Amino acid sequence: MPSNVLLTPDKETRIITDRALHKFAYHQHVRYRLLVVNDYYNHQYNFFLEWHRPAERSRSIPLHSLHNYDLAYLRRVLLLVQTDVGFSVSFRDFARSAINLLQKS
């Protein structure tokens, strides 16, 4: 998506949830979660749908990138996404203080 197009948290949430639910297929004994990665080189946050079957490696597919590199904005989008899809969320490449801030409801 071009960087000159500004998206609201609601629109970003819609993109993430639509893509996550489109790729989600219920299977027994499979753990699903959202993975949020802090891409500090490109100054963006990347969302992935990750799943894990017993005795297999985890797999993930990209869902969306937030180009607004602001923790308050990410927190707002996360709250909306969790309300819509209900998956647990894990964080990668975030400082502990940032994770604590993001996990507050």
Protein backbone atom coordinates (compact mmCIF):
# COMPACT_ATOMS: atom_id res chain seq x y z
CA MET A 1 0.00 0.00 0.00
CA PRO A 2 1.44 3.41 -0.88
CA SER A 3 2.71 5.38 2.08
CA ASN A 4 0.83 8.51 0.99
CA VAL A 5 -2.52 6.86 1.72
CA LEU A 6 -3.51 7.42 5.35
CA LEU A 7 -5.57 4.75 7.03
CA THR A 8 -7.53 5.06 10.24
CA PRO A 9 -7.28 2.45 13.02
CA ASP A 10 -10.73 1.18 12.00
CA LYS A 11 -9.66 0.65 8.39
CA GLU A 12 -6.40 -1.02 9.43
CA THR A 13 -8.36 -3.28 11.78
CA ARG A 14 -10.78 -4.22 9.00
CA ILE A 15 -7.88 -5.19 6.71
CA ILE A 16 -6.21 -7.34 9.39
CA THR A 17 -9.38 -9.08 10.57
CA ASP A 18 -10.67 -9.73 7.05
CA ARG A 19 -7.38 -11.30 6.02
CA ALA A 20 -7.04 -13.30 9.25
CA LEU A 21 -10.55 -14.70 9.06
CA HIS A 22 -10.16 -15.44 5.35
CA LYS A 23 -7.02 -17.53 6.06
CA PHE A 24 -8.34 -19.13 9.25
CA ALA A 25 -9.53 -22.72 8.97
CA TYR A 26 -10.48 -24.52 12.17
CA HIS A 27 -8.60 -27.76 12.82
CA GLN A 28 -8.44 -29.76 16.01
CA HIS A 29 -5.23 -29.57 18.02
CA VAL A 30 -3.97 -26.50 16.18
CA ARG A 31 -3.04 -23.32 18.06
CA TYR A 32 -3.69 -20.05 16.24
CA ARG A 33 -2.43 -16.62 17.26
CA LEU A 34 -1.61 -13.21 15.89
CA LEU A 35 2.06 -12.33 15.78
CA VAL A 36 3.04 -8.66 15.84
CA VAL A 37 6.62 -7.92 14.82
CA ASN A 38 8.39 -4.63 15.44
CA ASP A 39 10.26 -3.94 12.20
CA TYR A 40 12.56 -1.23 13.51
CA TYR A 41 14.57 -1.11 10.28
CA ASN A 42 11.57 -0.06 8.18
CA HIS A 43 9.78 1.72 11.06
CA GLN A 44 6.58 -0.30 10.83
CA TYR A 45 4.66 -3.03 12.66
CA ASN A 46 3.91 -6.27 10.80
CA PHE A 47 0.97 -8.58 11.57
CA PHE A 48 1.04 -12.31 10.87
CA LEU A 49 -1.38 -15.18 11.42
CA GLU A 50 0.65 -17.96 13.02
CA TRP A 51 -0.43 -21.52 13.67
CA HIS A 52 1.18 -24.55 15.23
CA ARG A 53 0.28 -28.21 14.96
CA PRO A 54 1.71 -30.69 17.49
CA ALA A 55 5.05 -32.18 16.39
CA GLU A 56 5.35 -29.69 13.51
CA ARG A 57 7.03 -26.36 13.03
CA SER A 58 5.07 -23.15 13.40
CA ARG A 59 3.89 -21.50 10.21
CA SER A 60 2.77 -17.98 9.54
CA ILE A 61 1.40 -15.82 6.78
CA PRO A 62 1.62 -12.03 6.56
CA LEU A 63 -1.58 -10.10 7.08
CA HIS A 64 -0.73 -6.40 7.07
CA SER A 65 1.87 -3.76 7.92
CA LEU A 66 1.14 -0.66 9.96
CA HIS A 67 3.18 2.22 8.59
CA ASN A 68 2.19 4.52 11.46
CA TYR A 69 5.12 3.70 13.77
CA ASP A 70 3.47 4.82 17.01
CA LEU A 71 2.80 2.58 20.03
CA ALA A 72 -0.46 4.35 20.93
CA TYR A 73 -1.73 3.77 17.38
CA LEU A 74 -0.64 0.12 17.50
CA ARG A 75 -2.37 -0.31 20.86
CA ARG A 76 -5.63 1.06 19.44
CA VAL A 77 -5.47 -1.27 16.44
CA LEU A 78 -4.64 -4.25 18.67
CA LEU A 79 -7.62 -3.60 20.93
CA LEU A 80 -9.93 -3.47 17.92
CA VAL A 81 -8.43 -6.58 16.32
CA GLN A 82 -8.65 -8.60 19.54
CA THR A 83 -12.28 -7.57 19.93
CA ASP A 84 -13.05 -8.76 16.40
CA VAL A 85 -11.12 -12.04 16.16
CA GLY A 86 -10.24 -13.06 19.72
CA PHE A 87 -6.90 -14.71 18.89
CA SER A 88 -4.13 -14.47 21.44
CA VAL A 89 -1.32 -12.12 20.48
CA SER A 90 2.43 -12.56 20.73
CA PHE A 91 5.06 -9.91 20.19
CA ARG A 92 8.50 -10.13 18.61
CA ASP A 93 11.34 -7.59 18.75
CA PHE A 94 9.60 -5.31 21.24
CA ALA A 95 11.11 -3.95 24.46
CA ARG A 96 9.55 -5.37 27.65
CA SER A 97 8.16 -1.93 28.54
CA ALA A 98 6.43 -1.69 25.16
CA ILE A 99 4.90 -5.16 25.57
CA ASN A 100 3.59 -4.21 29.01
CA LEU A 101 2.02 -1.07 27.57
CA LEU A 102 0.42 -2.98 24.69
CA GLN A 103 -1.01 -5.69 26.94
CA LYS A 104 -2.84 -3.23 29.21
CA SER A 105 -6.50 -3.05 28.40
